[in-house]
Amino acid sequence: MGKLFEMRENIERGVRRKRLDPVEIRARISMQAGFLLALITADTPDDPVRITKLAKAARDILGLIL
Protein backbone atom coordinates (compact mmCIF):
# COMPACT_ATOMS: atom_id res chain seq x y z
CA MET A 1 0.00 0.00 0.00
CA GLY A 2 1.45 3.31 -1.09
CA LYS A 3 1.22 6.86 0.18
CA LEU A 4 -1.40 7.87 -2.41
CA PHE A 5 -3.70 5.04 -1.37
CA GLU A 6 -3.20 5.86 2.30
CA MET A 7 -4.10 9.50 1.57
CA ARG A 8 -7.23 8.40 -0.29
CA GLU A 9 -8.29 6.27 2.69
CA ASN A 10 -7.70 9.20 5.07
CA ILE A 11 -9.82 11.45 2.85
CA GLU A 12 -12.63 8.88 2.84
CA ARG A 13 -12.51 8.68 6.65
CA GLY A 14 -12.56 12.48 6.90
CA VAL A 15 -15.63 12.70 4.66
CA ARG A 16 -17.47 10.11 6.77
CA ARG A 17 -16.43 11.76 10.04
CA LYS A 18 -17.68 15.16 8.86
CA ARG A 19 -20.84 13.58 7.38
CA LEU A 20 -20.36 15.25 4.00
CA ASP A 21 -21.65 14.11 0.63
CA PRO A 22 -18.92 11.70 -0.51
CA VAL A 23 -19.69 12.06 -4.22
CA GLU A 24 -19.49 15.85 -4.12
CA ILE A 25 -16.32 15.94 -2.01
CA ARG A 26 -14.53 13.30 -4.10
CA ALA A 27 -15.46 15.22 -7.25
CA ARG A 28 -14.21 18.53 -5.85
CA ILE A 29 -10.94 17.00 -4.63
CA SER A 30 -10.44 15.17 -7.94
CA MET A 31 -11.03 18.35 -9.93
CA GLN A 32 -8.60 20.38 -7.84
CA ALA A 33 -5.95 17.65 -7.77
CA GLY A 34 -6.25 17.01 -11.52
CA PHE A 35 -6.90 13.26 -11.36
CA LEU A 36 -9.68 10.94 -10.23
CA LEU A 37 -9.55 9.85 -6.62
CA ALA A 38 -11.49 6.72 -7.59
CA LEU A 39 -8.59 5.51 -9.74
CA ILE A 40 -6.18 5.31 -6.80
CA THR A 41 -5.83 1.69 -5.71
CA ALA A 42 -3.48 -0.10 -3.34
CA ASP A 43 -1.27 -0.85 -6.37
CA THR A 44 -1.08 2.74 -7.63
CA PRO A 45 2.58 3.82 -7.70
CA ASP A 46 3.41 6.89 -5.64
CA ASP A 47 4.11 10.05 -7.58
CA PRO A 48 5.48 13.07 -5.65
CA VAL A 49 3.58 15.54 -7.83
CA ARG A 50 0.26 13.75 -7.32
CA ILE A 51 0.91 13.43 -3.58
CA THR A 52 1.50 17.18 -3.32
CA LYS A 53 -1.60 18.04 -5.37
CA LEU A 54 -3.81 15.64 -3.41
CA ALA A 55 -2.55 16.94 -0.06
CA LYS A 56 -3.30 20.53 -1.10
CA ALA A 57 -6.78 19.66 -2.36
CA ALA A 58 -7.62 17.76 0.84
CA ARG A 59 -6.38 20.67 2.96
CA ASP A 60 -8.28 23.28 0.93
CA ILE A 61 -11.58 21.38 0.71
CA LEU A 62 -11.72 19.30 3.89
CA GLY A 63 -9.21 21.01 6.14
CA LEU A 64 -7.27 17.73 6.39
CA ILE A 65 -3.52 17.76 6.85
CA LEU A 66 -2.24 14.60 5.15
C-alpha atoms as a PDB file:
ATOM      1  CA  MET A   1       0.000   0.000   0.000  1.00  0.00           C
ATOM      2  CA  GLY A   2       1.451   3.313  -1.094  1.00  0.00           C
ATOM      3  CA  LYS A   3       1.218   6.861   0.181  1.00  0.00           C
ATOM      4  CA  LEU A   4      -1.403   7.873  -2.407  1.00  0.00           C
ATOM      5  CA  PHE A   5      -3.696   5.043  -1.370  1.00  0.00           C
ATOM      6  CA  GLU A   6      -3.200   5.863   2.299  1.00  0.00           C
ATOM      7  CA  MET A   7      -4.098   9.496   1.568  1.00  0.00           C
ATOM      8  CA  ARG A   8      -7.230   8.405  -0.287  1.00  0.00           C
ATOM      9  CA  GLU A   9      -8.287   6.268   2.695  1.00  0.00           C
ATOM     10  CA  ASN A  10      -7.699   9.198   5.069  1.00  0.00           C
ATOM     11  CA  ILE A  11      -9.819  11.452   2.850  1.00  0.00           C
ATOM     12  CA  GLU A  12     -12.634   8.881   2.836  1.00  0.00           C
ATOM     13  CA  ARG A  13     -12.506   8.681   6.646  1.00  0.00           C
ATOM     14  CA  GLY A  14     -12.564  12.484   6.904  1.00  0.00           C
ATOM     15  CA  VAL A  15     -15.629  12.700   4.663  1.00  0.00           C
ATOM     16  CA  ARG A  16     -17.469  10.107   6.773  1.00  0.00           C
ATOM     17  CA  ARG A  17     -16.425  11.757  10.037  1.00  0.00           C
ATOM     18  CA  LYS A  18     -17.685  15.156   8.858  1.00  0.00           C
ATOM     19  CA  ARG A  19     -20.837  13.581   7.377  1.00  0.00           C
ATOM     20  CA  LEU A  20     -20.359  15.247   4.002  1.00  0.00           C
ATOM     21  CA  ASP A  21     -21.653  14.113   0.627  1.00  0.00           C
ATOM     22  CA  PRO A  22     -18.920  11.695  -0.513  1.00  0.00           C
ATOM     23  CA  VAL A  23     -19.688  12.061  -4.218  1.00  0.00           C
ATOM     24  CA  GLU A  24     -19.489  15.854  -4.116  1.00  0.00           C
ATOM     25  CA  ILE A  25     -16.324  15.939  -2.009  1.00  0.00           C
ATOM     26  CA  ARG A  26     -14.527  13.296  -4.098  1.00  0.00           C
ATOM     27  CA  ALA A  27     -15.455  15.220  -7.250  1.00  0.00           C
ATOM     28  CA  ARG A  28     -14.210  18.528  -5.846  1.00  0.00           C
ATOM     29  CA  ILE A  29     -10.945  17.004  -4.632  1.00  0.00           C
ATOM     30  CA  SER A  30     -10.442  15.172  -7.937  1.00  0.00           C
ATOM     31  CA  MET A  31     -11.031  18.352  -9.933  1.00  0.00           C
ATOM     32  CA  GLN A  32      -8.604  20.380  -7.845  1.00  0.00           C
ATOM     33  CA  ALA A  33      -5.949  17.646  -7.773  1.00  0.00           C
ATOM     34  CA  GLY A  34      -6.246  17.012 -11.520  1.00  0.00           C
ATOM     35  CA  PHE A  35      -6.898  13.261 -11.360  1.00  0.00           C
ATOM     36  CA  LEU A  36      -9.678  10.944 -10.227  1.00  0.00           C
ATOM     37  CA  LEU A  37      -9.546   9.848  -6.616  1.00  0.00           C
ATOM     38  CA  ALA A  38     -11.486   6.719  -7.587  1.00  0.00           C
ATOM     39  CA  LEU A  39      -8.589   5.507  -9.741  1.00  0.00           C
ATOM     40  CA  ILE A  40      -6.181   5.307  -6.800  1.00  0.00           C
ATOM     41  CA  THR A  41      -5.827   1.685  -5.711  1.00  0.00           C
ATOM     42  CA  ALA A  42      -3.475  -0.096  -3.337  1.00  0.00           C
ATOM     43  CA  ASP A  43      -1.269  -0.849  -6.372  1.00  0.00           C
ATOM     44  CA  THR A  44      -1.077   2.742  -7.633  1.00  0.00           C
ATOM     45  CA  PRO A  45       2.578   3.822  -7.702  1.00  0.00           C
ATOM     46  CA  ASP A  46       3.406   6.887  -5.635  1.00  0.00           C
ATOM     47  CA  ASP A  47       4.105  10.052  -7.580  1.00  0.00           C
ATOM     48  CA  PRO A  48       5.475  13.066  -5.646  1.00  0.00           C
ATOM     49  CA  VAL A  49       3.578  15.544  -7.828  1.00  0.00           C
ATOM     50  CA  ARG A  50       0.258  13.752  -7.319  1.00  0.00           C
ATOM     51  CA  ILE A  51       0.912  13.428  -3.583  1.00  0.00           C
ATOM     52  CA  THR A  52       1.503  17.180  -3.322  1.00  0.00           C
ATOM     53  CA  LYS A  53      -1.600  18.041  -5.370  1.00  0.00           C
ATOM     54  CA  LEU A  54      -3.814  15.639  -3.411  1.00  0.00           C
ATOM     55  CA  ALA A  55      -2.551  16.940  -0.062  1.00  0.00           C
ATOM     56  CA  LYS A  56      -3.299  20.530  -1.101  1.00  0.00           C
ATOM     57  CA  ALA A  57      -6.780  19.661  -2.359  1.00  0.00           C
ATOM     58  CA  ALA A  58      -7.617  17.757   0.841  1.00  0.00           C
ATOM     59  CA  ARG A  59      -6.382  20.666   2.956  1.00  0.00           C
ATOM     60  CA  ASP A  60      -8.281  23.285   0.928  1.00  0.00           C
ATOM     61  CA  ILE A  61     -11.576  21.380   0.705  1.00  0.00           C
ATOM     62  CA  LEU A  62     -11.719  19.296   3.893  1.00  0.00           C
ATOM     63  CA  GLY A  63      -9.208  21.012   6.139  1.00  0.00           C
ATOM     64  CA  LEU A  64      -7.272  17.726   6.386  1.00  0.00           C
ATOM     65  CA  ILE A  65      -3.525  17.759   6.851  1.00  0.00           C
ATOM     66  CA  LEU A  66      -2.240  14.600   5.152  1.00  0.00           C
END
